[in-house]
Amino acid sequence: MRAILVTLSAITFVLSLMLPALYFKGVSWSGFTDYWYTGFTVLMVGWLAICGLQFGWFANVLAPLSFVFIRFGKRKAAQVCAVLSLMLLIDAFFFDSPIRIKQFGPGAYLWCISIALGSLSCFFKPCASGQTALCEASKADLKSVMFYSARERH
């Protein structure tokens, strides 16, 4: 289950980079007053929002860091990073500056889904065989059903 969630998280993240994410209204450095930023553009310049005390972009750092911790067996550290990335994700929607976000595009929502799926994956405990506890429980149920059906035949 964890591998499926991580894969879906990666796919939605890549899709979010290609789609319009934020529609700004106001004066910008380029002179445009109304314009869309793609997810890729937001990823490249979003860290600058720290100047306005907005930290939502840093969910892009903590979410992959949680995957690294999971990979090296640091489950608690991964869960802390996952929860912090979700908190930063929520903070991203409270950005207030002279250049106003008029609308969130599909890229922003896919980015949210990506971070949420990735964070959720940190809370699945792997079994010894590398599968999730949910998969192991299903196997145990299947074995008991097979045992009872074989017992009924004899």
Protein backbone atom coordinates (compact mmCIF):
# COMPACT_ATOMS: atom_id res chain seq x y z
CA MET A 1 0.00 0.00 0.00
CA ARG A 2 2.86 2.35 0.83
CA ALA A 3 4.41 1.87 -2.62
CA ILE A 4 1.08 2.63 -4.29
CA LEU A 5 0.64 5.84 -2.27
CA VAL A 6 4.20 6.99 -2.98
CA THR A 7 3.74 6.28 -6.70
CA LEU A 8 0.43 8.17 -6.81
CA SER A 9 2.06 11.01 -4.88
CA ALA A 10 4.90 11.24 -7.42
CA ILE A 11 2.51 11.13 -10.39
CA THR A 12 0.25 13.86 -9.00
CA PHE A 13 3.28 15.99 -8.12
CA VAL A 14 4.65 15.79 -11.68
CA LEU A 15 1.21 16.61 -13.08
CA SER A 16 0.91 19.59 -10.72
CA LEU A 17 4.11 21.04 -12.18
CA MET A 18 2.62 21.12 -15.68
CA LEU A 19 -0.73 22.70 -14.85
CA PRO A 20 -1.72 26.24 -13.87
CA ALA A 21 -1.44 26.54 -10.13
CA LEU A 22 -1.94 30.14 -9.03
CA TYR A 23 -3.77 33.05 -10.64
CA PHE A 24 -2.45 36.37 -9.39
CA LYS A 25 -4.13 39.74 -9.57
CA GLY A 26 -2.04 42.83 -8.97
CA VAL A 27 1.15 44.46 -10.19
CA SER A 28 4.16 42.22 -10.76
CA TRP A 29 7.78 42.70 -11.66
CA SER A 30 6.96 41.82 -15.26
CA GLY A 31 4.31 44.52 -15.55
CA PHE A 32 1.39 42.11 -16.01
CA THR A 33 -1.58 42.64 -13.76
CA ASP A 34 -3.39 39.31 -14.16
CA TYR A 35 -1.46 36.12 -14.83
CA TRP A 36 -1.24 32.38 -14.12
CA TYR A 37 1.80 30.68 -12.63
CA THR A 38 2.31 27.03 -13.51
CA GLY A 39 3.21 24.60 -10.78
CA PHE A 40 6.80 24.51 -12.03
CA THR A 41 7.11 28.29 -11.74
CA VAL A 42 5.70 28.19 -8.22
CA LEU A 43 8.18 25.44 -7.35
CA MET A 44 11.09 27.54 -8.65
CA VAL A 45 10.19 30.89 -7.05
CA GLY A 46 7.89 29.86 -4.21
CA TRP A 47 10.70 29.82 -1.67
CA LEU A 48 10.82 33.62 -1.99
CA ALA A 49 7.52 33.78 -0.09
CA ILE A 50 9.55 33.36 3.09
CA CYS A 51 10.27 37.10 2.76
CA GLY A 52 6.55 37.64 3.42
CA LEU A 53 6.55 35.13 6.30
CA GLN A 54 4.73 32.50 4.26
CA PHE A 55 6.26 29.05 4.64
CA GLY A 56 3.91 26.78 2.65
CA TRP A 57 6.45 26.14 -0.10
CA PHE A 58 8.68 24.28 2.36
CA ALA A 59 6.26 21.35 2.30
CA ASN A 60 8.13 20.56 -0.93
CA VAL A 61 11.25 19.95 1.15
CA LEU A 62 9.72 18.05 4.07
CA ALA A 63 7.58 15.63 2.06
CA PRO A 64 10.53 14.07 0.15
CA LEU A 65 12.56 14.15 3.36
CA SER A 66 9.92 11.93 4.96
CA PHE A 67 10.45 9.42 2.10
CA VAL A 68 14.19 9.43 2.82
CA PHE A 69 13.57 8.75 6.51
CA ILE A 70 11.20 5.89 5.63
CA ARG A 71 13.80 4.43 3.28
CA PHE A 72 16.38 4.36 6.09
CA GLY A 73 13.96 2.94 8.68
CA LYS A 74 13.38 6.15 10.66
CA ARG A 75 9.61 5.83 10.83
CA LYS A 76 8.99 8.35 13.64
CA ALA A 77 11.13 11.02 11.95
CA ALA A 78 9.26 10.37 8.70
CA GLN A 79 5.92 10.80 10.45
CA VAL A 80 7.05 14.08 12.04
CA CYS A 81 8.16 15.38 8.63
CA ALA A 82 4.86 14.23 7.12
CA VAL A 83 2.77 16.04 9.73
CA LEU A 84 4.88 19.18 9.40
CA SER A 85 4.54 19.10 5.61
CA LEU A 86 0.76 18.88 5.98
CA MET A 87 0.80 21.86 8.33
CA LEU A 88 2.89 23.83 5.83
CA LEU A 89 0.52 22.76 3.08
CA ILE A 90 -2.37 24.34 4.97
CA ASP A 91 -0.26 27.47 5.52
CA ALA A 92 0.16 27.82 1.74
CA PHE A 93 -3.51 28.76 1.41
CA PHE A 94 -3.22 31.73 3.77
CA PHE A 95 -0.72 33.73 1.74
CA ASP A 96 -1.47 37.45 1.88
CA SER A 97 0.59 39.96 -0.09
CA PRO A 98 0.11 43.03 -2.30
CA ILE A 99 0.02 40.65 -5.26
CA ARG A 100 -3.19 38.80 -4.51
CA ILE A 101 -3.89 35.19 -5.38
CA LYS A 102 -7.23 35.42 -7.10
CA GLN A 103 -7.72 31.74 -7.80
CA PHE A 104 -6.09 28.35 -7.22
CA GLY A 105 -5.73 26.21 -10.31
CA PRO A 106 -5.69 22.44 -10.79
CA GLY A 107 -1.93 22.38 -10.25
CA ALA A 108 -2.35 23.70 -6.71
CA TYR A 109 -4.95 21.07 -5.88
CA LEU A 110 -2.86 18.25 -7.36
CA TRP A 111 0.08 19.51 -5.32
CA CYS A 112 -2.08 19.24 -2.18
CA ILE A 113 -3.16 15.72 -3.09
CA SER A 114 0.47 14.78 -3.75
CA ILE A 115 1.65 16.00 -0.34
CA ALA A 116 -1.32 14.37 1.41
CA LEU A 117 -0.78 10.99 -0.28
CA GLY A 118 2.93 11.07 0.45
CA SER A 119 2.30 11.97 4.07
CA LEU A 120 -0.30 9.25 4.44
CA SER A 121 2.18 6.66 3.17
CA CYS A 122 4.42 7.27 6.21
CA PHE A 123 1.76 5.90 8.53
CA PHE A 124 1.58 2.42 6.98
CA LYS A 125 3.66 -0.05 8.91
CA PRO A 126 5.52 -2.54 6.71
CA CYS A 127 5.53 -6.23 7.58
CA ALA A 128 8.61 -8.43 7.56
CA SER A 129 7.96 -9.44 3.95
CA GLY A 130 7.87 -5.79 2.89
CA GLN A 131 4.09 -5.68 2.53
CA THR A 132 1.80 -3.53 4.60
CA ALA A 133 -0.08 -4.84 7.61
CA LEU A 134 -3.28 -4.57 5.59
CA CYS A 135 -1.92 -6.99 2.98
CA GLU A 136 -0.76 -9.42 5.64
CA ALA A 137 -4.18 -9.37 7.31
CA SER A 138 -5.78 -10.18 3.96
CA LYS A 139 -3.40 -13.11 3.50
CA ALA A 140 -4.27 -14.43 6.98
CA ASP A 141 -7.99 -14.20 6.18
CA LEU A 142 -7.44 -16.01 2.89
CA LYS A 143 -5.50 -18.80 4.62
CA SER A 144 -8.21 -19.28 7.25
CA VAL A 145 -10.90 -19.44 4.57
CA MET A 146 -8.85 -21.99 2.62
CA PHE A 147 -8.24 -24.02 5.81
CA TYR A 148 -11.95 -24.14 6.69
CA SER A 149 -13.00 -25.01 3.15
CA ALA A 150 -10.41 -27.81 3.00
CA ARG A 151 -11.59 -29.06 6.39
CA GLU A 152 -15.19 -29.19 5.21
CA ARG A 153 -14.23 -31.34 2.22
CA HIS A 154 -12.72 -34.06 4.44
